[in-house]
């Protein structure tokens, strides 16, 4: 989750990272 949170922060317009973090 920490890894994905970093990716979401760096790429707030990328839906894949948000979906994966939410699903996990």
PDBML (XML) file of the C-alpha atoms, coordinates in Angstrom:
<?xml version="1.0" encoding="UTF-8" ?>
<PDBx:datablock datablockName="MODEL"
   xmlns:PDBx="http://pdbml.pdb.org/schema/pdbx-v50.xsd"
   xmlns:xsi="http://www.w3.org/2001/XMLSchema-instance"
   xsi:schemaLocation="http://pdbml.pdb.org/schema/pdbx-v50.xsd pdbx-v50.xsd">
   <PDBx:atom_siteCategory>
      <PDBx:atom_site id="1">
         <PDBx:B_iso_or_equiv>0.00</PDBx:B_iso_or_equiv>
         <PDBx:Cartn_x>0.000</PDBx:Cartn_x>
         <PDBx:Cartn_y>0.000</PDBx:Cartn_y>
         <PDBx:Cartn_z>0.000</PDBx:Cartn_z>
         <PDBx:auth_asym_id>A</PDBx:auth_asym_id>
         <PDBx:auth_atom_id>CA</PDBx:auth_atom_id>
         <PDBx:auth_comp_id>UNK</PDBx:auth_comp_id>
         <PDBx:auth_seq_id>1</PDBx:auth_seq_id>
         <PDBx:group_PDB>ATOM</PDBx:group_PDB>
         <PDBx:label_alt_id xsi:nil="true" />
         <PDBx:label_asym_id>A</PDBx:label_asym_id>
         <PDBx:label_atom_id>CA</PDBx:label_atom_id>
         <PDBx:label_comp_id>UNK</PDBx:label_comp_id>
         <PDBx:label_entity_id>1</PDBx:label_entity_id>
         <PDBx:label_seq_id>1</PDBx:label_seq_id>
         <PDBx:occupancy>1.00</PDBx:occupancy>
         <PDBx:pdbx_PDB_model_num>1</PDBx:pdbx_PDB_model_num>
         <PDBx:type_symbol>C</PDBx:type_symbol>
      </PDBx:atom_site>
      <PDBx:atom_site id="2">
         <PDBx:B_iso_or_equiv>0.00</PDBx:B_iso_or_equiv>
         <PDBx:Cartn_x>2.840</PDBx:Cartn_x>
         <PDBx:Cartn_y>2.405</PDBx:Cartn_y>
         <PDBx:Cartn_z>0.800</PDBx:Cartn_z>
         <PDBx:auth_asym_id>A</PDBx:auth_asym_id>
         <PDBx:auth_atom_id>CA</PDBx:auth_atom_id>
         <PDBx:auth_comp_id>UNK</PDBx:auth_comp_id>
         <PDBx:auth_seq_id>2</PDBx:auth_seq_id>
         <PDBx:group_PDB>ATOM</PDBx:group_PDB>
         <PDBx:label_alt_id xsi:nil="true" />
         <PDBx:label_asym_id>A</PDBx:label_asym_id>
         <PDBx:label_atom_id>CA</PDBx:label_atom_id>
         <PDBx:label_comp_id>UNK</PDBx:label_comp_id>
         <PDBx:label_entity_id>1</PDBx:label_entity_id>
         <PDBx:label_seq_id>2</PDBx:label_seq_id>
         <PDBx:occupancy>1.00</PDBx:occupancy>
         <PDBx:pdbx_PDB_model_num>1</PDBx:pdbx_PDB_model_num>
         <PDBx:type_symbol>C</PDBx:type_symbol>
      </PDBx:atom_site>
      <PDBx:atom_site id="3">
         <PDBx:B_iso_or_equiv>0.00</PDBx:B_iso_or_equiv>
         <PDBx:Cartn_x>4.338</PDBx:Cartn_x>
         <PDBx:Cartn_y>1.749</PDBx:Cartn_y>
         <PDBx:Cartn_z>-2.635</PDBx:Cartn_z>
         <PDBx:auth_asym_id>A</PDBx:auth_asym_id>
         <PDBx:auth_atom_id>CA</PDBx:auth_atom_id>
         <PDBx:auth_comp_id>UNK</PDBx:auth_comp_id>
         <PDBx:auth_seq_id>3</PDBx:auth_seq_id>
         <PDBx:group_PDB>ATOM</PDBx:group_PDB>
         <PDBx:label_alt_id xsi:nil="true" />
         <PDBx:label_asym_id>A</PDBx:label_asym_id>
         <PDBx:label_atom_id>CA</PDBx:label_atom_id>
         <PDBx:label_comp_id>UNK</PDBx:label_comp_id>
         <PDBx:label_entity_id>1</PDBx:label_entity_id>
         <PDBx:label_seq_id>3</PDBx:label_seq_id>
         <PDBx:occupancy>1.00</PDBx:occupancy>
         <PDBx:pdbx_PDB_model_num>1</PDBx:pdbx_PDB_model_num>
         <PDBx:type_symbol>C</PDBx:type_symbol>
      </PDBx:atom_site>
      <PDBx:atom_site id="4">
         <PDBx:B_iso_or_equiv>0.00</PDBx:B_iso_or_equiv>
         <PDBx:Cartn_x>1.023</PDBx:Cartn_x>
         <PDBx:Cartn_y>2.426</PDBx:Cartn_y>
         <PDBx:Cartn_z>-4.345</PDBx:Cartn_z>
         <PDBx:auth_asym_id>A</PDBx:auth_asym_id>
         <PDBx:auth_atom_id>CA</PDBx:auth_atom_id>
         <PDBx:auth_comp_id>UNK</PDBx:auth_comp_id>
         <PDBx:auth_seq_id>4</PDBx:auth_seq_id>
         <PDBx:group_PDB>ATOM</PDBx:group_PDB>
         <PDBx:label_alt_id xsi:nil="true" />
         <PDBx:label_asym_id>A</PDBx:label_asym_id>
         <PDBx:label_atom_id>CA</PDBx:label_atom_id>
         <PDBx:label_comp_id>UNK</PDBx:label_comp_id>
         <PDBx:label_entity_id>1</PDBx:label_entity_id>
         <PDBx:label_seq_id>4</PDBx:label_seq_id>
         <PDBx:occupancy>1.00</PDBx:occupancy>
         <PDBx:pdbx_PDB_model_num>1</PDBx:pdbx_PDB_model_num>
         <PDBx:type_symbol>C</PDBx:type_symbol>
      </PDBx:atom_site>
      <PDBx:atom_site id="5">
         <PDBx:B_iso_or_equiv>0.00</PDBx:B_iso_or_equiv>
         <PDBx:Cartn_x>0.367</PDBx:Cartn_x>
         <PDBx:Cartn_y>5.517</PDBx:Cartn_y>
         <PDBx:Cartn_z>-2.222</PDBx:Cartn_z>
         <PDBx:auth_asym_id>A</PDBx:auth_asym_id>
         <PDBx:auth_atom_id>CA</PDBx:auth_atom_id>
         <PDBx:auth_comp_id>UNK</PDBx:auth_comp_id>
         <PDBx:auth_seq_id>5</PDBx:auth_seq_id>
         <PDBx:group_PDB>ATOM</PDBx:group_PDB>
         <PDBx:label_alt_id xsi:nil="true" />
         <PDBx:label_asym_id>A</PDBx:label_asym_id>
         <PDBx:label_atom_id>CA</PDBx:label_atom_id>
         <PDBx:label_comp_id>UNK</PDBx:label_comp_id>
         <PDBx:label_entity_id>1</PDBx:label_entity_id>
         <PDBx:label_seq_id>5</PDBx:label_seq_id>
         <PDBx:occupancy>1.00</PDBx:occupancy>
         <PDBx:pdbx_PDB_model_num>1</PDBx:pdbx_PDB_model_num>
         <PDBx:type_symbol>C</PDBx:type_symbol>
      </PDBx:atom_site>
      <PDBx:atom_site id="6">
         <PDBx:B_iso_or_equiv>0.00</PDBx:B_iso_or_equiv>
         <PDBx:Cartn_x>3.654</PDBx:Cartn_x>
         <PDBx:Cartn_y>6.948</PDBx:Cartn_y>
         <PDBx:Cartn_z>-3.511</PDBx:Cartn_z>
         <PDBx:auth_asym_id>A</PDBx:auth_asym_id>
         <PDBx:auth_atom_id>CA</PDBx:auth_atom_id>
         <PDBx:auth_comp_id>UNK</PDBx:auth_comp_id>
         <PDBx:auth_seq_id>6</PDBx:auth_seq_id>
         <PDBx:group_PDB>ATOM</PDBx:group_PDB>
         <PDBx:label_alt_id xsi:nil="true" />
         <PDBx:label_asym_id>A</PDBx:label_asym_id>
         <PDBx:label_atom_id>CA</PDBx:label_atom_id>
         <PDBx:label_comp_id>UNK</PDBx:label_comp_id>
         <PDBx:label_entity_id>1</PDBx:label_entity_id>
         <PDBx:label_seq_id>6</PDBx:label_seq_id>
         <PDBx:occupancy>1.00</PDBx:occupancy>
         <PDBx:pdbx_PDB_model_num>1</PDBx:pdbx_PDB_model_num>
         <PDBx:type_symbol>C</PDBx:type_symbol>
      </PDBx:atom_site>
      <PDBx:atom_site id="7">
         <PDBx:B_iso_or_equiv>0.00</PDBx:B_iso_or_equiv>
         <PDBx:Cartn_x>2.626</PDBx:Cartn_x>
         <PDBx:Cartn_y>6.210</PDBx:Cartn_y>
         <PDBx:Cartn_z>-7.093</PDBx:Cartn_z>
         <PDBx:auth_asym_id>A</PDBx:auth_asym_id>
         <PDBx:auth_atom_id>CA</PDBx:auth_atom_id>
         <PDBx:auth_comp_id>UNK</PDBx:auth_comp_id>
         <PDBx:auth_seq_id>7</PDBx:auth_seq_id>
         <PDBx:group_PDB>ATOM</PDBx:group_PDB>
         <PDBx:label_alt_id xsi:nil="true" />
         <PDBx:label_asym_id>A</PDBx:label_asym_id>
         <PDBx:label_atom_id>CA</PDBx:label_atom_id>
         <PDBx:label_comp_id>UNK</PDBx:label_comp_id>
         <PDBx:label_entity_id>1</PDBx:label_entity_id>
         <PDBx:label_seq_id>7</PDBx:label_seq_id>
         <PDBx:occupancy>1.00</PDBx:occupancy>
         <PDBx:pdbx_PDB_model_num>1</PDBx:pdbx_PDB_model_num>
         <PDBx:type_symbol>C</PDBx:type_symbol>
      </PDBx:atom_site>
      <PDBx:atom_site id="8">
         <PDBx:B_iso_or_equiv>0.00</PDBx:B_iso_or_equiv>
         <PDBx:Cartn_x>-0.801</PDBx:Cartn_x>
         <PDBx:Cartn_y>7.808</PDBx:Cartn_y>
         <PDBx:Cartn_z>-6.538</PDBx:Cartn_z>
         <PDBx:auth_asym_id>A</PDBx:auth_asym_id>
         <PDBx:auth_atom_id>CA</PDBx:auth_atom_id>
         <PDBx:auth_comp_id>UNK</PDBx:auth_comp_id>
         <PDBx:auth_seq_id>8</PDBx:auth_seq_id>
         <PDBx:group_PDB>ATOM</PDBx:group_PDB>
         <PDBx:label_alt_id xsi:nil="true" />
         <PDBx:label_asym_id>A</PDBx:label_asym_id>
         <PDBx:label_atom_id>CA</PDBx:label_atom_id>
         <PDBx:label_comp_id>UNK</PDBx:label_comp_id>
         <PDBx:label_entity_id>1</PDBx:label_entity_id>
         <PDBx:label_seq_id>8</PDBx:label_seq_id>
         <PDBx:occupancy>1.00</PDBx:occupancy>
         <PDBx:pdbx_PDB_model_num>1</PDBx:pdbx_PDB_model_num>
         <PDBx:type_symbol>C</PDBx:type_symbol>
      </PDBx:atom_site>
      <PDBx:atom_site id="9">
         <PDBx:B_iso_or_equiv>0.00</PDBx:B_iso_or_equiv>
         <PDBx:Cartn_x>0.878</PDBx:Cartn_x>
         <PDBx:Cartn_y>10.887</PDBx:Cartn_y>
         <PDBx:Cartn_z>-5.092</PDBx:Cartn_z>
         <PDBx:auth_asym_id>A</PDBx:auth_asym_id>
         <PDBx:auth_atom_id>CA</PDBx:auth_atom_id>
         <PDBx:auth_comp_id>UNK</PDBx:auth_comp_id>
         <PDBx:auth_seq_id>9</PDBx:auth_seq_id>
         <PDBx:group_PDB>ATOM</PDBx:group_PDB>
         <PDBx:label_alt_id xsi:nil="true" />
         <PDBx:label_asym_id>A</PDBx:label_asym_id>
         <PDBx:label_atom_id>CA</PDBx:label_atom_id>
         <PDBx:label_comp_id>UNK</PDBx:label_comp_id>
         <PDBx:label_entity_id>1</PDBx:label_entity_id>
         <PDBx:label_seq_id>9</PDBx:label_seq_id>
         <PDBx:occupancy>1.00</PDBx:occupancy>
         <PDBx:pdbx_PDB_model_num>1</PDBx:pdbx_PDB_model_num>
         <PDBx:type_symbol>C</PDBx:type_symbol>
      </PDBx:atom_site>
      <PDBx:atom_site id="10">
         <PDBx:B_iso_or_equiv>0.00</PDBx:B_iso_or_equiv>
         <PDBx:Cartn_x>3.301</PDBx:Cartn_x>
         <PDBx:Cartn_y>11.144</PDBx:Cartn_y>
         <PDBx:Cartn_z>-8.022</PDBx:Cartn_z>
         <PDBx:auth_asym_id>A</PDBx:auth_asym_id>
         <PDBx:auth_atom_id>CA</PDBx:auth_atom_id>
         <PDBx:auth_comp_id>UNK</PDBx:auth_comp_id>
         <PDBx:auth_seq_id>10</PDBx:auth_seq_id>
         <PDBx:group_PDB>ATOM</PDBx:group_PDB>
         <PDBx:label_alt_id xsi:nil="true" />
         <PDBx:label_asym_id>A</PDBx:label_asym_id>
         <PDBx:label_atom_id>CA</PDBx:label_atom_id>
         <PDBx:label_comp_id>UNK</PDBx:label_comp_id>
         <PDBx:label_entity_id>1</PDBx:label_entity_id>
         <PDBx:label_seq_id>10</PDBx:label_seq_id>
         <PDBx:occupancy>1.00</PDBx:occupancy>
         <PDBx:pdbx_PDB_model_num>1</PDBx:pdbx_PDB_model_num>
         <PDBx:type_symbol>C</PDBx:type_symbol>
      </PDBx:atom_site>
      <PDBx:atom_site id="11">
         <PDBx:B_iso_or_equiv>0.00</PDBx:B_iso_or_equiv>
         <PDBx:Cartn_x>0.619</PDBx:Cartn_x>
         <PDBx:Cartn_y>10.414</PDBx:Cartn_y>
         <PDBx:Cartn_z>-10.638</PDBx:Cartn_z>
         <PDBx:auth_asym_id>A</PDBx:auth_asym_id>
         <PDBx:auth_atom_id>CA</PDBx:auth_atom_id>
         <PDBx:auth_comp_id>UNK</PDBx:auth_comp_id>
         <PDBx:auth_seq_id>11</PDBx:auth_seq_id>
         <PDBx:group_PDB>ATOM</PDBx:group_PDB>
         <PDBx:label_alt_id xsi:nil="true" />
         <PDBx:label_asym_id>A</PDBx:label_asym_id>
         <PDBx:label_atom_id>CA</PDBx:label_atom_id>
         <PDBx:label_comp_id>UNK</PDBx:label_comp_id>
         <PDBx:label_entity_id>1</PDBx:label_entity_id>
         <PDBx:label_seq_id>11</PDBx:label_seq_id>
         <PDBx:occupancy>1.00</PDBx:occupancy>
         <PDBx:pdbx_PDB_model_num>1</PDBx:pdbx_PDB_model_num>
         <PDBx:type_symbol>C</PDBx:type_symbol>
      </PDBx:atom_site>
      <PDBx:atom_site id="12">
         <PDBx:B_iso_or_equiv>0.00</PDBx:B_iso_or_equiv>
         <PDBx:Cartn_x>-2.754</PDBx:Cartn_x>
         <PDBx:Cartn_y>11.635</PDBx:Cartn_y>
         <PDBx:Cartn_z>-9.318</PDBx:Cartn_z>
         <PDBx:auth_asym_id>A</PDBx:auth_asym_id>
         <PDBx:auth_atom_id>CA</PDBx:auth_atom_id>
         <PDBx:auth_comp_id>UNK</PDBx:auth_comp_id>
         <PDBx:auth_seq_id>12</PDBx:auth_seq_id>
         <PDBx:group_PDB>ATOM</PDBx:group_PDB>
         <PDBx:label_alt_id xsi:nil="true" />
         <PDBx:label_asym_id>A</PDBx:label_asym_id>
         <PDBx:label_atom_id>CA</PDBx:label_atom_id>
         <PDBx:label_comp_id>UNK</PDBx:label_comp_id>
         <PDBx:label_entity_id>1</PDBx:label_entity_id>
         <PDBx:label_seq_id>12</PDBx:label_seq_id>
         <PDBx:occupancy>1.00</PDBx:occupancy>
         <PDBx:pdbx_PDB_model_num>1</PDBx:pdbx_PDB_model_num>
         <PDBx:type_symbol>C</PDBx:type_symbol>
      </PDBx:atom_site>
      <PDBx:atom_site id="13">
         <PDBx:B_iso_or_equiv>0.00</PDBx:B_iso_or_equiv>
         <PDBx:Cartn_x>-4.308</PDBx:Cartn_x>
         <PDBx:Cartn_y>11.381</PDBx:Cartn_y>
         <PDBx:Cartn_z>-12.795</PDBx:Cartn_z>
         <PDBx:auth_asym_id>A</PDBx:auth_asym_id>
         <PDBx:auth_atom_id>CA</PDBx:auth_atom_id>
         <PDBx:auth_comp_id>UNK</PDBx:auth_comp_id>
         <PDBx:auth_seq_id>13</PDBx:auth_seq_id>
         <PDBx:group_PDB>ATOM</PDBx:group_PDB>
         <PDBx:label_alt_id xsi:nil="true" />
         <PDBx:label_asym_id>A</PDBx:label_asym_id>
         <PDBx:label_atom_id>CA</PDBx:label_atom_id>
         <PDBx:label_comp_id>UNK</PDBx:label_comp_id>
         <PDBx:label_entity_id>1</PDBx:label_entity_id>
         <PDBx:label_seq_id>13</PDBx:label_seq_id>
         <PDBx:occupancy>1.00</PDBx:occupancy>
         <PDBx:pdbx_PDB_model_num>1</PDBx:pdbx_PDB_model_num>
         <PDBx:type_symbol>C</PDBx:type_symbol>
      </PDBx:atom_site>
      <PDBx:atom_site id="14">
         <PDBx:B_iso_or_equiv>0.00</PDBx:B_iso_or_equiv>
         <PDBx:Cartn_x>-3.411</PDBx:Cartn_x>
         <PDBx:Cartn_y>7.702</PDBx:Cartn_y>
         <PDBx:Cartn_z>-13.263</PDBx:Cartn_z>
         <PDBx:auth_asym_id>A</PDBx:auth_asym_id>
         <PDBx:auth_atom_id>CA</PDBx:auth_atom_id>
         <PDBx:auth_comp_id>UNK</PDBx:auth_comp_id>
         <PDBx:auth_seq_id>14</PDBx:auth_seq_id>
         <PDBx:group_PDB>ATOM</PDBx:group_PDB>
         <PDBx:label_alt_id xsi:nil="true" />
         <PDBx:label_asym_id>A</PDBx:label_asym_id>
         <PDBx:label_atom_id>CA</PDBx:label_atom_id>
         <PDBx:label_comp_id>UNK</PDBx:label_comp_id>
         <PDBx:label_entity_id>1</PDBx:label_entity_id>
         <PDBx:label_seq_id>14</PDBx:label_seq_id>
         <PDBx:occupancy>1.00</PDBx:occupancy>
         <PDBx:pdbx_PDB_model_num>1</PDBx:pdbx_PDB_model_num>
         <PDBx:type_symbol>C</PDBx:type_symbol>
      </PDBx:atom_site>
      <PDBx:atom_site id="15">
         <PDBx:B_iso_or_equiv>0.00</PDBx:B_iso_or_equiv>
         <PDBx:Cartn_x>-6.511</PDBx:Cartn_x>
         <PDBx:Cartn_y>5.603</PDBx:Cartn_y>
         <PDBx:Cartn_z>-12.479</PDBx:Cartn_z>
         <PDBx:auth_asym_id>A</PDBx:auth_asym_id>
         <PDBx:auth_atom_id>CA</PDBx:auth_atom_id>
         <PDBx:auth_comp_id>UNK</PDBx:auth_comp_id>
         <PDBx:auth_seq_id>15</PDBx:auth_seq_id>
         <PDBx:group_PDB>ATOM</PDBx:group_PDB>
         <PDBx:label_alt_id xsi:nil="true" />
         <PDBx:label_asym_id>A</PDBx:label_asym_id>
         <PDBx:label_atom_id>CA</PDBx:label_atom_id>
         <PDBx:label_comp_id>UNK</PDBx:label_comp_id>
         <PDBx:label_entity_id>1</PDBx:label_entity_id>
         <PDBx:label_seq_id>15</PDBx:label_seq_id>
         <PDBx:occupancy>1.00</PDBx:occupancy>
         <PDBx:pdbx_PDB_model_num>1</PDBx:pdbx_PDB_model_num>
         <PDBx:type_symbol>C</PDBx:type_symbol>
      </PDBx:atom_site>
      <PDBx:atom_site id="16">
         <PDBx:B_iso_or_equiv>0.00</PDBx:B_iso_or_equiv>
         <PDBx:Cartn_x>-4.634</PDBx:Cartn_x>
         <PDBx:Cartn_y>2.285</PDBx:Cartn_y>
         <PDBx:Cartn_z>-12.307</PDBx:Cartn_z>
         <PDBx:auth_asym_id>A</PDBx:auth_asym_id>
         <PDBx:auth_atom_id>CA</PDBx:auth_atom_id>
         <PDBx:auth_comp_id>UNK</PDBx:auth_comp_id>
         <PDBx:auth_seq_id>16</PDBx:auth_seq_id>
         <PDBx:group_PDB>ATOM</PDBx:group_PDB>
         <PDBx:label_alt_id xsi:nil="true" />
         <PDBx:label_asym_id>A</PDBx:label_asym_id>
         <PDBx:label_atom_id>CA</PDBx:label_atom_id>
         <PDBx:label_comp_id>UNK</PDBx:label_comp_id>
         <PDBx:label_entity_id>1</PDBx:label_entity_id>
         <PDBx:label_seq_id>16</PDBx:label_seq_id>
         <PDBx:occupancy>1.00</PDBx:occupancy>
         <PDBx:pdbx_PDB_model_num>1</PDBx:pdbx_PDB_model_num>
         <PDBx:type_symbol>C</PDBx:type_symbol>
      </PDBx:atom_site>
      <PDBx:atom_site id="17">
         <PDBx:B_iso_or_equiv>0.00</PDBx:B_iso_or_equiv>
         <PDBx:Cartn_x>-2.721</PDBx:Cartn_x>
         <PDBx:Cartn_y>3.171</PDBx:Cartn_y>
         <PDBx:Cartn_z>-9.165</PDBx:Cartn_z>
         <PDBx:auth_asym_id>A</PDBx:auth_asym_id>
         <PDBx:auth_atom_id>CA</PDBx:auth_atom_id>
         <PDBx:auth_comp_id>UNK</PDBx:auth_comp_id>
         <PDBx:auth_seq_id>17</PDBx:auth_seq_id>
         <PDBx:group_PDB>ATOM</PDBx:group_PDB>
         <PDBx:label_alt_id xsi:nil="true" />
         <PDBx:label_asym_id>A</PDBx:label_asym_id>
         <PDBx:label_atom_id>CA</PDBx:label_atom_id>
         <PDBx:label_comp_id>UNK</PDBx:label_comp_id>
         <PDBx:label_entity_id>1</PDBx:label_entity_id>
         <PDBx:label_seq_id>17</PDBx:label_seq_id>
         <PDBx:occupancy>1.00</PDBx:occupancy>
         <PDBx:pdbx_PDB_model_num>1</PDBx:pdbx_PDB_model_num>
         <PDBx:type_symbol>C</PDBx:type_symbol>
      </PDBx:atom_site>
      <PDBx:atom_site id="18">
         <PDBx:B_iso_or_equiv>0.00</PDBx:B_iso_or_equiv>
         <PDBx:Cartn_x>-5.846</PDBx:Cartn_x>
         <PDBx:Cartn_y>4.418</PDBx:Cartn_y>
         <PDBx:Cartn_z>-7.387</PDBx:Cartn_z>
         <PDBx:auth_asym_id>A</PDBx:auth_asym_id>
         <PDBx:auth_atom_id>CA</PDBx:auth_atom_id>
         <PDBx:auth_comp_id>UNK</PDBx:auth_comp_id>
         <PDBx:auth_seq_id>18</PDBx:auth_seq_id>
         <PDBx:group_PDB>ATOM</PDBx:group_PDB>
         <PDBx:label_alt_id xsi:nil="true" />
         <PDBx:label_asym_id>A</PDBx:label_asym_id>
         <PDBx:label_atom_id>CA</PDBx:label_atom_id>
         <PDBx:label_comp_id>UNK</PDBx:label_comp_id>
         <PDBx:label_entity_id>1</PDBx:label_entity_id>
         <PDBx:label_seq_id>18</PDBx:label_seq_id>
         <PDBx:occupancy>1.00</PDBx:occupancy>
         <PDBx:pdbx_PDB_model_num>1</PDBx:pdbx_PDB_model_num>
         <PDBx:type_symbol>C</PDBx:type_symbol>
      </PDBx:atom_site>
      <PDBx:atom_site id="19">
         <PDBx:B_iso_or_equiv>0.00</PDBx:B_iso_or_equiv>
         <PDBx:Cartn_x>-7.828</PDBx:Cartn_x>
         <PDBx:Cartn_y>1.332</PDBx:Cartn_y>
         <PDBx:Cartn_z>-8.349</PDBx:Cartn_z>
         <PDBx:auth_asym_id>A</PDBx:auth_asym_id>
         <PDBx:auth_atom_id>CA</PDBx:auth_atom_id>
         <PDBx:auth_comp_id>UNK</PDBx:auth_comp_id>
         <PDBx:auth_seq_id>19</PDBx:auth_seq_id>
         <PDBx:group_PDB>ATOM</PDBx:group_PDB>
         <PDBx:label_alt_id xsi:nil="true" />
         <PDBx:label_asym_id>A</PDBx:label_asym_id>
         <PDBx:label_atom_id>CA</PDBx:label_atom_id>
         <PDBx:label_comp_id>UNK</PDBx:label_comp_id>
         <PDBx:label_entity_id>1</PDBx:label_entity_id>
         <PDBx:label_seq_id>19</PDBx:label_seq_id>
         <PDBx:occupancy>1.00</PDBx:occupancy>
         <PDBx:pdbx_PDB_model_num>1</PDBx:pdbx_PDB_model_num>
         <PDBx:type_symbol>C</PDBx:type_symbol>
      </PDBx:atom_site>
      <PDBx:atom_site id="20">
         <PDBx:B_iso_or_equiv>0.00</PDBx:B_iso_or_equiv>
         <PDBx:Cartn_x>-5.107</PDBx:Cartn_x>
         <PDBx:Cartn_y>-1.056</PDBx:Cartn_y>
         <PDBx:Cartn_z>-7.219</PDBx:Cartn_z>
         <PDBx:auth_asym_id>A</PDBx:auth_asym_id>
         <PDBx:auth_atom_id>CA</PDBx:auth_atom_id>
         <PDBx:auth_comp_id>UNK</PDBx:auth_comp_id>
         <PDBx:auth_seq_id>20</PDBx:auth_seq_id>
         <PDBx:group_PDB>ATOM</PDBx:group_PDB>
         <PDBx:label_alt_id xsi:nil="true" />
         <PDBx:label_asym_id>A</PDBx:label_asym_id>
         <PDBx:label_atom_id>CA</PDBx:label_atom_id>
         <PDBx:label_comp_id>UNK</PDBx:label_comp_id>
         <PDBx:label_entity_id>1</PDBx:label_entity_id>
         <PDBx:label_seq_id>20</PDBx:label_seq_id>
         <PDBx:occupancy>1.00</PDBx:occupancy>
         <PDBx:pdbx_PDB_model_num>1</PDBx:pdbx_PDB_model_num>
         <PDBx:type_symbol>C</PDBx:type_symbol>
      </PDBx:atom_site>
      <PDBx:atom_site id="21">
         <PDBx:B_iso_or_equiv>0.00</PDBx:B_iso_or_equiv>
         <PDBx:Cartn_x>-4.589</PDBx:Cartn_x>
         <PDBx:Cartn_y>0.688</PDBx:Cartn_y>
         <PDBx:Cartn_z>-3.895</PDBx:Cartn_z>
         <PDBx:auth_asym_id>A</PDBx:auth_asym_id>
         <PDBx:auth_atom_id>CA</PDBx:auth_atom_id>
         <PDBx:auth_comp_id>UNK</PDBx:auth_comp_id>
         <PDBx:auth_seq_id>21</PDBx:auth_seq_id>
         <PDBx:group_PDB>ATOM</PDBx:group_PDB>
         <PDBx:label_alt_id xsi:nil="true" />
         <PDBx:label_asym_id>A</PDBx:label_asym_id>
         <PDBx:label_atom_id>CA</PDBx:label_atom_id>
         <PDBx:label_comp_id>UNK</PDBx:label_comp_id>
         <PDBx:label_entity_id>1</PDBx:label_entity_id>
         <PDBx:label_seq_id>21</PDBx:label_seq_id>
         <PDBx:occupancy>1.00</PDBx:occupancy>
         <PDBx:pdbx_PDB_model_num>1</PDBx:pdbx_PDB_model_num>
         <PDBx:type_symbol>C</PDBx:type_symbol>
      </PDBx:atom_site>
      <PDBx:atom_site id="22">
         <PDBx:B_iso_or_equiv>0.00</PDBx:B_iso_or_equiv>
         <PDBx:Cartn_x>-8.322</PDBx:Cartn_x>
         <PDBx:Cartn_y>0.718</PDBx:Cartn_y>
         <PDBx:Cartn_z>-3.251</PDBx:Cartn_z>
         <PDBx:auth_asym_id>A</PDBx:auth_asym_id>
         <PDBx:auth_atom_id>CA</PDBx:auth_atom_id>
         <PDBx:auth_comp_id>UNK</PDBx:auth_comp_id>
         <PDBx:auth_seq_id>22</PDBx:auth_seq_id>
         <PDBx:group_PDB>ATOM</PDBx:group_PDB>
         <PDBx:label_alt_id xsi:nil="true" />
         <PDBx:label_asym_id>A</PDBx:label_asym_id>
         <PDBx:label_atom_id>CA</PDBx:label_atom_id>
         <PDBx:label_comp_id>UNK</PDBx:label_comp_id>
         <PDBx:label_entity_id>1</PDBx:label_entity_id>
         <PDBx:label_seq_id>22</PDBx:label_seq_id>
         <PDBx:occupancy>1.00</PDBx:occupancy>
         <PDBx:pdbx_PDB_model_num>1</PDBx:pdbx_PDB_model_num>
         <PDBx:type_symbol>C</PDBx:type_symbol>
      </PDBx:atom_site>
      <PDBx:atom_site id="23">
         <PDBx:B_iso_or_equiv>0.00</PDBx:B_iso_or_equiv>
         <PDBx:Cartn_x>-8.691</PDBx:Cartn_x>
         <PDBx:Cartn_y>-2.937</PDBx:Cartn_y>
         <PDBx:Cartn_z>-4.187</PDBx:Cartn_z>
         <PDBx:auth_asym_id>A</PDBx:auth_asym_id>
         <PDBx:auth_atom_id>CA</PDBx:auth_atom_id>
         <PDBx:auth_comp_id>UNK</PDBx:auth_comp_id>
         <PDBx:auth_seq_id>23</PDBx:auth_seq_id>
         <PDBx:group_PDB>ATOM</PDBx:group_PDB>
         <PDBx:label_alt_id xsi:nil="true" />
         <PDBx:label_asym_id>A</PDBx:label_asym_id>
         <PDBx:label_atom_id>CA</PDBx:label_atom_id>
         <PDBx:label_comp_id>UNK</PDBx:label_comp_id>
         <PDBx:label_entity_id>1</PDBx:label_entity_id>
         <PDBx:label_seq_id>23</PDBx:label_seq_id>
         <PDBx:occupancy>1.00</PDBx:occupancy>
         <PDBx:pdbx_PDB_model_num>1</PDBx:pdbx_PDB_model_num>
         <PDBx:type_symbol>C</PDBx:type_symbol>
      </PDBx:atom_site>
      <PDBx:atom_site id="24">
         <PDBx:B_iso_or_equiv>0.00</PDBx:B_iso_or_equiv>
         <PDBx:Cartn_x>-5.768</PDBx:Cartn_x>
         <PDBx:Cartn_y>-4.095</PDBx:Cartn_y>
         <PDBx:Cartn_z>-2.047</PDBx:Cartn_z>
         <PDBx:auth_asym_id>A</PDBx:auth_asym_id>
         <PDBx:auth_atom_id>CA</PDBx:auth_atom_id>
         <PDBx:auth_comp_id>UNK</PDBx:auth_comp_id>
         <PDBx:auth_seq_id>24</PDBx:auth_seq_id>
         <PDBx:group_PDB>ATOM</PDBx:group_PDB>
         <PDBx:label_alt_id xsi:nil="true" />
         <PDBx:label_asym_id>A</PDBx:label_asym_id>
         <PDBx:label_atom_id>CA</PDBx:label_atom_id>
         <PDBx:label_comp_id>UNK</PDBx:label_comp_id>
         <PDBx:label_entity_id>1</PDBx:label_entity_id>
         <PDBx:label_seq_id>24</PDBx:label_seq_id>
         <PDBx:occupancy>1.00</PDBx:occupancy>
         <PDBx:pdbx_PDB_model_num>1</PDBx:pdbx_PDB_model_num>
         <PDBx:type_symbol>C</PDBx:type_symbol>
      </PDBx:atom_site>
   </PDBx:atom_siteCategory>
</PDBx:datablock>
